């Protein structure tokens, strides 16, 4: 596995996402006043992007795969955007899965937790958990000088296609991928699933990558999804360092869905 330099600055940039992204829904007359009365079109555009999740609310999303569910912040936001959706939270860290299960029980049938790590093949691997931040983990081996900063546990690793083979998808399907440098492997191991999905939100880094030289960049992710007939539709969030873009939570949708999103406006 490639070495990864994982410092506090990088952890700050990767902070994802939807739980910090949501804003209160503002009434149309108030937005119209901001636009026409105060000339704040750029602000109104930003608010509307956030309130519609870049237009995804115009689709009939009733299935969400939250890969790298962590503490469930994104899943909670997805339930707000798509109240009729079934959310599958996929997460490898046992303690986080326990917390997710507690929340899922409150949600009834709306949320299901799957404890597994995803990559491009089935195996058992070491998962490295940051001692300073035990909600952060990766399958990528840390560099020797950083290894003392991580606890190590063995986890089951599978492909997205294997994990979803028994799942029944309803409506449009949204896939969120945030796996700390393994996103491209998840895509490669989930081609069949992504072909029957509608939209993908994936964490992508820009060159030079804060995840290390071997980590996939936006271009790599975009190319892999383009082969599956996805097109780029914008950034859900953009992480910067002193004004310079470092990473983004990027939205891709299938071509037919992009047309439906526009028709729904």
C-alpha atoms as a PDB file:
ATOM      1  CA  UNK A   1       0.000   0.000   0.000  1.00  0.00           C
ATOM      2  CA  UNK A   2       1.218   3.547  -0.623  1.00  0.00           C
ATOM      3  CA  UNK A   3       2.485   5.610   2.294  1.00  0.00           C
ATOM      4  CA  UNK A   4       0.300   8.511   3.373  1.00  0.00           C
ATOM      5  CA  UNK A   5       1.337  11.699   5.184  1.00  0.00           C
ATOM      6  CA  UNK A   6      -1.582  12.384   7.504  1.00  0.00           C
ATOM      7  CA  UNK A   7      -1.191  15.478   9.658  1.00  0.00           C
ATOM      8  CA  UNK A   8      -3.581  17.799  11.464  1.00  0.00           C
ATOM      9  CA  UNK A   9      -3.650  20.244   8.565  1.00  0.00           C
ATOM     10  CA  UNK A  10      -4.854  17.508   6.226  1.00  0.00           C
ATOM     11  CA  UNK A  11      -7.465  16.332   8.728  1.00  0.00           C
ATOM     12  CA  UNK A  12      -8.769  19.900   8.898  1.00  0.00           C
ATOM     13  CA  UNK A  13      -9.186  20.030   5.111  1.00  0.00           C
ATOM     14  CA  UNK A  14     -10.955  16.684   4.789  1.00  0.00           C
ATOM     15  CA  UNK A  15     -13.660  17.670   7.284  1.00  0.00           C
ATOM     16  CA  UNK A  16     -16.741  16.450   5.510  1.00  0.00           C
ATOM     17  CA  UNK A  17     -19.416  17.786   4.867  1.00  0.00           C
ATOM     18  CA  UNK A  18     -23.169  17.710   4.734  1.00  0.00           C
ATOM     19  CA  UNK A  19     -23.833  18.182   8.434  1.00  0.00           C
ATOM     20  CA  UNK A  20     -21.853  21.436   8.227  1.00  0.00           C
ATOM     21  CA  UNK A  21     -23.293  22.328   4.833  1.00  0.00           C
ATOM     22  CA  UNK A  22     -27.019  22.476   5.498  1.00  0.00           C
ATOM     23  CA  UNK A  23     -28.652  25.839   6.091  1.00  0.00           C
ATOM     24  CA  UNK A  24     -32.219  26.748   7.119  1.00  0.00           C
ATOM     25  CA  UNK A  25     -34.773  26.819   4.323  1.00  0.00           C
ATOM     26  CA  UNK A  26     -35.612  30.405   3.513  1.00  0.00           C
ATOM     27  CA  UNK A  27     -38.966  31.428   1.989  1.00  0.00           C
ATOM     28  CA  UNK A  28     -39.066  32.363  -1.689  1.00  0.00           C
ATOM     29  CA  UNK A  29     -40.290  35.952  -1.062  1.00  0.00           C
ATOM     30  CA  UNK A  30     -37.292  36.599   1.177  1.00  0.00           C
ATOM     31  CA  UNK A  31     -34.878  35.185  -1.416  1.00  0.00           C
ATOM     32  CA  UNK A  32     -36.557  37.329  -4.072  1.00  0.00           C
ATOM     33  CA  UNK A  33     -36.037  40.395  -1.872  1.00  0.00           C
ATOM     34  CA  UNK A  34     -32.351  39.546  -1.431  1.00  0.00           C
ATOM     35  CA  UNK A  35     -31.993  39.154  -5.190  1.00  0.00           C
ATOM     36  CA  UNK A  36     -34.128  41.992  -6.552  1.00  0.00           C
ATOM     37  CA  UNK A  37     -34.221  44.378  -3.611  1.00  0.00           C
ATOM     38  CA  UNK A  38     -30.641  44.152  -2.385  1.00  0.00           C
ATOM     39  CA  UNK A  39     -28.885  42.900  -5.510  1.00  0.00           C
ATOM     40  CA  UNK A  40     -27.431  39.876  -3.717  1.00  0.00           C
ATOM     41  CA  UNK A  41     -27.808  37.394  -6.574  1.00  0.00           C
ATOM     42  CA  UNK A  42     -24.582  35.535  -5.760  1.00  0.00           C
ATOM     43  CA  UNK A  43     -25.754  34.991  -2.187  1.00  0.00           C
ATOM     44  CA  UNK A  44     -29.160  33.788  -3.372  1.00  0.00           C
ATOM     45  CA  UNK A  45     -27.515  31.388  -5.834  1.00  0.00           C
ATOM     46  CA  UNK A  46     -25.387  29.980  -3.018  1.00  0.00           C
ATOM     47  CA  UNK A  47     -28.388  29.544  -0.719  1.00  0.00           C
ATOM     48  CA  UNK A  48     -30.426  27.819  -3.429  1.00  0.00           C
ATOM     49  CA  UNK A  49     -27.537  25.483  -4.240  1.00  0.00           C
ATOM     50  CA  UNK A  50     -27.349  24.437  -0.599  1.00  0.00           C
ATOM     51  CA  UNK A  51     -31.098  24.128  -0.112  1.00  0.00           C
ATOM     52  CA  UNK A  52     -31.439  21.886  -3.177  1.00  0.00           C
ATOM     53  CA  UNK A  53     -28.153  19.978  -2.720  1.00  0.00           C
ATOM     54  CA  UNK A  54     -27.064  21.189  -6.175  1.00  0.00           C
ATOM     55  CA  UNK A  55     -30.431  20.179  -7.620  1.00  0.00           C
ATOM     56  CA  UNK A  56     -30.538  16.607  -6.282  1.00  0.00           C
ATOM     57  CA  UNK A  57     -33.865  17.315  -4.580  1.00  0.00           C
ATOM     58  CA  UNK A  58     -35.365  17.477  -8.074  1.00  0.00           C
ATOM     59  CA  UNK A  59     -34.717  13.741  -8.430  1.00  0.00           C
ATOM     60  CA  UNK A  60     -36.717  10.905  -6.856  1.00  0.00           C
ATOM     61  CA  UNK A  61     -33.965   9.748  -4.491  1.00  0.00           C
ATOM     62  CA  UNK A  62     -35.248   6.953  -2.277  1.00  0.00           C
ATOM     63  CA  UNK A  63     -32.023   4.995  -1.715  1.00  0.00           C
ATOM     64  CA  UNK A  64     -28.759   6.373  -0.287  1.00  0.00           C
ATOM     65  CA  UNK A  65     -25.485   4.478   0.158  1.00  0.00           C
ATOM     66  CA  UNK A  66     -23.374   6.388   2.689  1.00  0.00           C
ATOM     67  CA  UNK A  67     -19.901   4.854   2.276  1.00  0.00           C
ATOM     68  CA  UNK A  68     -17.659   6.022   5.077  1.00  0.00           C
ATOM     69  CA  UNK A  69     -20.620   6.974   7.257  1.00  0.00           C
ATOM     70  CA  UNK A  70     -18.426   7.939  10.234  1.00  0.00           C
ATOM     71  CA  UNK A  71     -20.633   9.454  12.987  1.00  0.00           C
ATOM     72  CA  UNK A  72     -23.642   9.784  10.679  1.00  0.00           C
ATOM     73  CA  UNK A  73     -23.528  13.509   9.971  1.00  0.00           C
ATOM     74  CA  UNK A  74     -24.035  13.053   6.243  1.00  0.00           C
ATOM     75  CA  UNK A  75     -26.741  10.434   6.765  1.00  0.00           C
ATOM     76  CA  UNK A  76     -28.691  12.807   9.006  1.00  0.00           C
ATOM     77  CA  UNK A  77     -28.473  15.522   6.377  1.00  0.00           C
ATOM     78  CA  UNK A  78     -29.558  13.118   3.643  1.00  0.00           C
ATOM     79  CA  UNK A  79     -32.679  12.222   5.630  1.00  0.00           C
ATOM     80  CA  UNK A  80     -33.447  15.932   5.781  1.00  0.00           C
ATOM     81  CA  UNK A  81     -33.111  16.319   2.021  1.00  0.00           C
ATOM     82  CA  UNK A  82     -34.766  12.984   1.174  1.00  0.00           C
ATOM     83  CA  UNK A  83     -37.222  12.082   3.979  1.00  0.00           C
ATOM     84  CA  UNK A  84     -38.582   9.068   2.069  1.00  0.00           C
ATOM     85  CA  UNK A  85     -35.171   7.524   1.432  1.00  0.00           C
ATOM     86  CA  UNK A  86     -33.669   4.341   2.835  1.00  0.00           C
ATOM     87  CA  UNK A  87     -30.141   5.100   4.103  1.00  0.00           C
ATOM     88  CA  UNK A  88     -27.466   2.386   4.172  1.00  0.00           C
ATOM     89  CA  UNK A  89     -24.595   3.511   6.423  1.00  0.00           C
ATOM     90  CA  UNK A  90     -21.395   1.641   5.507  1.00  0.00           C
ATOM     91  CA  UNK A  91     -18.622   2.048   8.082  1.00  0.00           C
ATOM     92  CA  UNK A  92     -15.704  -0.174   9.237  1.00  0.00           C
ATOM     93  CA  UNK A  93     -14.891   1.210  12.724  1.00  0.00           C
ATOM     94  CA  UNK A  94     -16.740  -0.891  15.348  1.00  0.00           C
ATOM     95  CA  UNK A  95     -17.314   1.941  17.832  1.00  0.00           C
ATOM     96  CA  UNK A  96     -18.725   4.220  15.140  1.00  0.00           C
ATOM     97  CA  UNK A  97     -20.988   1.409  13.953  1.00  0.00           C
ATOM     98  CA  UNK A  98     -22.276   1.020  17.512  1.00  0.00           C
ATOM     99  CA  UNK A  99     -23.188   4.720  17.603  1.00  0.00           C
ATOM    100  CA  UNK A 100     -24.776   4.494  14.170  1.00  0.00           C
ATOM    101  CA  UNK A 101     -26.834   1.487  15.277  1.00  0.00           C
ATOM    102  CA  UNK A 102     -28.165   3.461  18.252  1.00  0.00           C
ATOM    103  CA  UNK A 103     -29.267   6.251  15.938  1.00  0.00           C
ATOM    104  CA  UNK A 104     -30.640   3.800  13.360  1.00  0.00           C
ATOM    105  CA  UNK A 105     -32.911   2.173  15.951  1.00  0.00           C
ATOM    106  CA  UNK A 106     -34.567   5.538  16.518  1.00  0.00           C
ATOM    107  CA  UNK A 107     -35.128   5.951  12.767  1.00  0.00           C
ATOM    108  CA  UNK A 108     -36.898   2.614  12.385  1.00  0.00           C
ATOM    109  CA  UNK A 109     -36.617   1.101   8.914  1.00  0.00           C
ATOM    110  CA  UNK A 110     -35.173   4.266   7.378  1.00  0.00           C
ATOM    111  CA  UNK A 111     -31.545   3.488   8.305  1.00  0.00           C
ATOM    112  CA  UNK A 112     -29.484   0.288   8.142  1.00  0.00           C
ATOM    113  CA  UNK A 113     -25.848  -0.037   9.253  1.00  0.00           C
ATOM    114  CA  UNK A 114     -23.361  -2.300   7.446  1.00  0.00           C
ATOM    115  CA  UNK A 115     -20.025  -2.848   9.231  1.00  0.00           C
ATOM    116  CA  UNK A 116     -17.495  -3.385   6.462  1.00  0.00           C
ATOM    117  CA  UNK A 117     -14.636  -1.596   4.725  1.00  0.00           C
ATOM    118  CA  UNK A 118     -14.819  -1.209   0.959  1.00  0.00           C
ATOM    119  CA  UNK A 119     -12.116  -1.497  -1.688  1.00  0.00           C
ATOM    120  CA  UNK A 120     -11.669  -3.228  -5.053  1.00  0.00           C
ATOM    121  CA  UNK A 121     -11.464  -6.825  -3.773  1.00  0.00           C
ATOM    122  CA  UNK A 122     -12.563  -9.032  -0.892  1.00  0.00           C
ATOM    123  CA  UNK A 123      -9.933  -9.555   1.821  1.00  0.00           C
ATOM    124  CA  UNK A 124      -9.004  -9.009   5.454  1.00  0.00           C
ATOM    125  CA  UNK A 125      -6.791  -5.979   6.004  1.00  0.00           C
ATOM    126  CA  UNK A 126      -5.395  -3.702   8.665  1.00  0.00           C
ATOM    127  CA  UNK A 127      -7.363  -0.544   9.389  1.00  0.00           C
ATOM    128  CA  UNK A 128      -5.287   2.302  10.815  1.00  0.00           C
ATOM    129  CA  UNK A 129      -7.131   4.512  13.332  1.00  0.00           C
ATOM    130  CA  UNK A 130      -5.656   7.847  14.358  1.00  0.00           C
ATOM    131  CA  UNK A 131      -4.980   7.879  18.121  1.00  0.00           C
ATOM    132  CA  UNK A 132      -5.525  11.645  18.212  1.00  0.00           C
ATOM    133  CA  UNK A 133      -8.827  11.445  16.353  1.00  0.00           C
ATOM    134  CA  UNK A 134     -10.439   8.023  16.667  1.00  0.00           C
ATOM    135  CA  UNK A 135     -13.173   8.780  14.142  1.00  0.00           C
ATOM    136  CA  UNK A 136     -10.545   8.978  11.386  1.00  0.00           C
ATOM    137  CA  UNK A 137      -9.218   5.810   9.760  1.00  0.00           C
ATOM    138  CA  UNK A 138      -7.713   4.488   6.544  1.00  0.00           C
ATOM    139  CA  UNK A 139      -6.712   1.206   4.929  1.00  0.00           C
ATOM    140  CA  UNK A 140      -3.622   2.915   3.531  1.00  0.00           C
ATOM    141  CA  UNK A 141      -0.466   2.102   5.467  1.00  0.00           C
ATOM    142  CA  UNK A 142       1.029   5.171   7.175  1.00  0.00           C
ATOM    143  CA  UNK A 143       4.666   6.040   6.649  1.00  0.00           C
ATOM    144  CA  UNK A 144       7.111   4.501   9.188  1.00  0.00           C
ATOM    145  CA  UNK A 145       7.688   7.816  10.936  1.00  0.00           C
ATOM    146  CA  UNK A 146       3.912   8.244  11.395  1.00  0.00           C
ATOM    147  CA  UNK A 147       2.985   4.654  12.307  1.00  0.00           C
ATOM    148  CA  UNK A 148       3.153   5.244  16.082  1.00  0.00           C
ATOM    149  CA  UNK A 149       0.249   7.705  15.757  1.00  0.00           C
ATOM    150  CA  UNK A 150      -2.178   4.950  14.726  1.00  0.00           C
ATOM    151  CA  UNK A 151      -3.884   1.988  16.330  1.00  0.00           C
ATOM    152  CA  UNK A 152      -4.307  -1.006  14.081  1.00  0.00           C
ATOM    153  CA  UNK A 153      -7.235  -3.429  13.873  1.00  0.00           C
ATOM    154  CA  UNK A 154      -8.148  -6.175  11.411  1.00  0.00           C
ATOM    155  CA  UNK A 155     -11.320  -5.608   9.394  1.00  0.00           C
ATOM    156  CA  UNK A 156     -13.248  -7.384   6.698  1.00  0.00           C
ATOM    157  CA  UNK A 157     -12.916  -5.679   3.316  1.00  0.00           C
ATOM    158  CA  UNK A 158     -15.325  -6.248   0.451  1.00  0.00           C
ATOM    159  CA  UNK A 159     -16.403  -4.650  -2.802  1.00  0.00           C
ATOM    160  CA  UNK A 160     -19.381  -2.357  -3.179  1.00  0.00           C
ATOM    161  CA  UNK A 161     -20.894  -4.755  -5.704  1.00  0.00           C
ATOM    162  CA  UNK A 162     -20.693  -7.677  -3.267  1.00  0.00           C
ATOM    163  CA  UNK A 163     -22.153  -5.655  -0.399  1.00  0.00           C
ATOM    164  CA  UNK A 164     -25.101  -4.353  -2.438  1.00  0.00           C
ATOM    165  CA  UNK A 165     -25.855  -7.568  -4.334  1.00  0.00           C
ATOM    166  CA  UNK A 166     -28.669  -8.467  -1.922  1.00  0.00           C
ATOM    167  CA  UNK A 167     -30.008  -4.935  -1.490  1.00  0.00           C
ATOM    168  CA  UNK A 168     -33.168  -3.750  -3.231  1.00  0.00           C
ATOM    169  CA  UNK A 169     -32.825  -0.231  -4.611  1.00  0.00           C
ATOM    170  CA  UNK A 170     -35.891   1.965  -4.833  1.00  0.00           C
ATOM    171  CA  UNK A 171     -36.190   5.148  -6.894  1.00  0.00           C
ATOM    172  CA  UNK A 172     -33.105   7.144  -7.788  1.00  0.00           C
ATOM    173  CA  UNK A 173     -29.971   6.054  -5.918  1.00  0.00           C
ATOM    174  CA  UNK A 174     -27.423   8.432  -4.367  1.00  0.00           C
ATOM    175  CA  UNK A 175     -23.967   7.122  -3.424  1.00  0.00           C
ATOM    176  CA  UNK A 176     -21.662   9.074  -1.096  1.00  0.00           C
ATOM    177  CA  UNK A 177     -18.013   7.942  -0.997  1.00  0.00           C
ATOM    178  CA  UNK A 178     -15.517   9.198   1.586  1.00  0.00           C
ATOM    179  CA  UNK A 179     -12.919   6.500   2.297  1.00  0.00           C
ATOM    180  CA  UNK A 180      -9.662   8.382   2.918  1.00  0.00           C
ATOM    181  CA  UNK A 181      -7.769   7.684  -0.296  1.00  0.00           C
ATOM    182  CA  UNK A 182      -9.565   4.460  -1.287  1.00  0.00           C
ATOM    183  CA  UNK A 183     -12.322   6.159  -3.292  1.00  0.00           C
ATOM    184  CA  UNK A 184     -11.027   5.041  -6.688  1.00  0.00           C
ATOM    185  CA  UNK A 185     -10.774   1.426  -5.487  1.00  0.00           C
ATOM    186  CA  UNK A 186     -14.346   1.634  -4.202  1.00  0.00           C
ATOM    187  CA  UNK A 187     -15.494   2.840  -7.623  1.00  0.00           C
ATOM    188  CA  UNK A 188     -13.608   0.036  -9.371  1.00  0.00           C
ATOM    189  CA  UNK A 189     -15.168  -2.526  -7.059  1.00  0.00           C
ATOM    190  CA  UNK A 190     -18.634  -1.059  -7.507  1.00  0.00           C
ATOM    191  CA  UNK A 191     -19.062  -0.588 -11.244  1.00  0.00           C
ATOM    192  CA  UNK A 192     -22.268  -2.633 -11.414  1.00  0.00           C
ATOM    193  CA  UNK A 193     -23.747  -0.781  -8.436  1.00  0.00           C
ATOM    194  CA  UNK A 194     -22.840   2.613  -9.862  1.00  0.00           C
ATOM    195  CA  UNK A 195     -24.396   1.705 -13.209  1.00  0.00           C
ATOM    196  CA  UNK A 196     -27.730   1.215 -11.448  1.00  0.00           C
ATOM    197  CA  UNK A 197     -27.258   4.331  -9.342  1.00  0.00           C
ATOM    198  CA  UNK A 198     -28.101   7.913 -10.236  1.00  0.00           C
ATOM    199  CA  UNK A 199     -25.710  10.279  -8.470  1.00  0.00           C
ATOM    200  CA  UNK A 200     -22.372  10.120  -6.650  1.00  0.00           C
ATOM    201  CA  UNK A 201     -20.898  12.532  -4.106  1.00  0.00           C
ATOM    202  CA  UNK A 202     -17.222  11.698  -3.656  1.00  0.00           C
ATOM    203  CA  UNK A 203     -14.362  13.381  -1.843  1.00  0.00           C
ATOM    204  CA  UNK A 204     -11.748  14.357  -4.448  1.00  0.00           C
ATOM    205  CA  UNK A 205      -8.384  15.985  -3.873  1.00  0.00           C
ATOM    206  CA  UNK A 206      -6.517  18.298  -6.211  1.00  0.00           C
ATOM    207  CA  UNK A 207      -2.876  17.958  -7.200  1.00  0.00           C
ATOM    208  CA  UNK A 208      -0.622  17.989  -5.210  1.00  0.00           C
ATOM    209  CA  UNK A 209      -2.666  15.687  -3.012  1.00  0.00           C
ATOM    210  CA  UNK A 210      -2.638  16.095   0.794  1.00  0.00           C
ATOM    211  CA  UNK A 211      -3.146  12.304   0.873  1.00  0.00           C
ATOM    212  CA  UNK A 212       0.209  11.577  -0.785  1.00  0.00           C
ATOM    213  CA  UNK A 213       1.493  11.099  -4.307  1.00  0.00           C
ATOM    214  CA  UNK A 214      -0.280   7.759  -4.832  1.00  0.00           C
ATOM    215  CA  UNK A 215      -3.720   8.992  -3.838  1.00  0.00           C
ATOM    216  CA  UNK A 216      -6.255   9.502  -6.662  1.00  0.00           C
ATOM    217  CA  UNK A 217      -6.977  13.077  -7.676  1.00  0.00           C
ATOM    218  CA  UNK A 218     -10.101  14.728  -9.061  1.00  0.00           C
ATOM    219  CA  UNK A 219      -8.969  13.840 -12.592  1.00  0.00           C
ATOM    220  CA  UNK A 220      -8.680  10.138 -11.692  1.00  0.00           C
ATOM    221  CA  UNK A 221     -12.102  10.049 -10.043  1.00  0.00           C
ATOM    222  CA  UNK A 222     -13.714  12.000 -12.882  1.00  0.00           C
ATOM    223  CA  UNK A 223     -12.221   9.683 -15.514  1.00  0.00           C
ATOM    224  CA  UNK A 224     -13.423   6.538 -13.722  1.00  0.00           C
ATOM    225  CA  UNK A 225     -16.960   7.872 -13.332  1.00  0.00           C
ATOM    226  CA  UNK A 226     -17.057   9.193 -16.886  1.00  0.00           C
ATOM    227  CA  UNK A 227     -16.542   5.604 -18.071  1.00  0.00           C
ATOM    228  CA  UNK A 228     -19.754   4.771 -16.187  1.00  0.00           C
ATOM    229  CA  UNK A 229     -21.655   7.584 -17.986  1.00  0.00           C
ATOM    230  CA  UNK A 230     -21.470  10.111 -15.138  1.00  0.00           C
ATOM    231  CA  UNK A 231     -20.917  13.829 -15.659  1.00  0.00           C
ATOM    232  CA  UNK A 232     -19.570  16.452 -13.262  1.00  0.00           C
ATOM    233  CA  UNK A 233     -22.288  18.692 -11.761  1.00  0.00           C
ATOM    234  CA  UNK A 234     -20.485  20.841  -9.187  1.00  0.00           C
ATOM    235  CA  UNK A 235     -18.961  20.892  -5.708  1.00  0.00           C
ATOM    236  CA  UNK A 236     -21.038  20.270  -2.607  1.00  0.00           C
ATOM    237  CA  UNK A 237     -18.167  21.685  -0.550  1.00  0.00           C
ATOM    238  CA  UNK A 238     -14.728  23.063  -1.312  1.00  0.00           C
ATOM    239  CA  UNK A 239     -11.888  22.748   1.201  1.00  0.00           C
ATOM    240  CA  UNK A 240      -9.178  25.384   0.873  1.00  0.00           C
ATOM    241  CA  UNK A 241      -5.907  26.295   2.565  1.00  0.00           C
ATOM    242  CA  UNK A 242      -5.249  30.036   2.563  1.00  0.00           C
ATOM    243  CA  UNK A 243      -7.579  30.399  -0.414  1.00  0.00           C
ATOM    244  CA  UNK A 244      -6.049  27.546  -2.425  1.00  0.00           C
ATOM    245  CA  UNK A 245      -8.421  24.611  -3.200  1.00  0.00           C
ATOM    246  CA  UNK A 246      -7.151  21.371  -1.674  1.00  0.00           C
ATOM    247  CA  UNK A 247     -10.132  19.021  -1.907  1.00  0.00           C
ATOM    248  CA  UNK A 248     -13.829  19.023  -2.675  1.00  0.00           C
ATOM    249  CA  UNK A 249     -16.928  16.926  -2.123  1.00  0.00           C
ATOM    250  CA  UNK A 250     -17.834  16.586  -5.781  1.00  0.00           C
ATOM    251  CA  UNK A 251     -21.191  15.717  -7.336  1.00  0.00           C
ATOM    252  CA  UNK A 252     -21.410  13.490 -10.408  1.00  0.00           C
ATOM    253  CA  UNK A 253     -24.704  12.356 -11.950  1.00  0.00           C
ATOM    254  CA  UNK A 254     -25.643  10.080 -14.817  1.00  0.00           C
ATOM    255  CA  UNK A 255     -26.398  11.950 -18.029  1.00  0.00           C
ATOM    256  CA  UNK A 256     -30.111  11.201 -18.054  1.00  0.00           C
ATOM    257  CA  UNK A 257     -30.379  12.353 -14.432  1.00  0.00           C
ATOM    258  CA  UNK A 258     -28.618  15.624 -15.239  1.00  0.00           C
ATOM    259  CA  UNK A 259     -31.321  16.330 -17.804  1.00  0.00           C
ATOM    260  CA  UNK A 260     -34.067  15.514 -15.279  1.00  0.00           C
ATOM    261  CA  UNK A 261     -32.474  17.795 -12.683  1.00  0.00           C
ATOM    262  CA  UNK A 262     -32.654  20.726 -15.079  1.00  0.00           C
ATOM    263  CA  UNK A 263     -36.204  19.867 -16.146  1.00  0.00           C
ATOM    264  CA  UNK A 264     -37.249  19.865 -12.480  1.00  0.00           C
ATOM    265  CA  UNK A 265     -36.185  23.481 -11.909  1.00  0.00           C
END
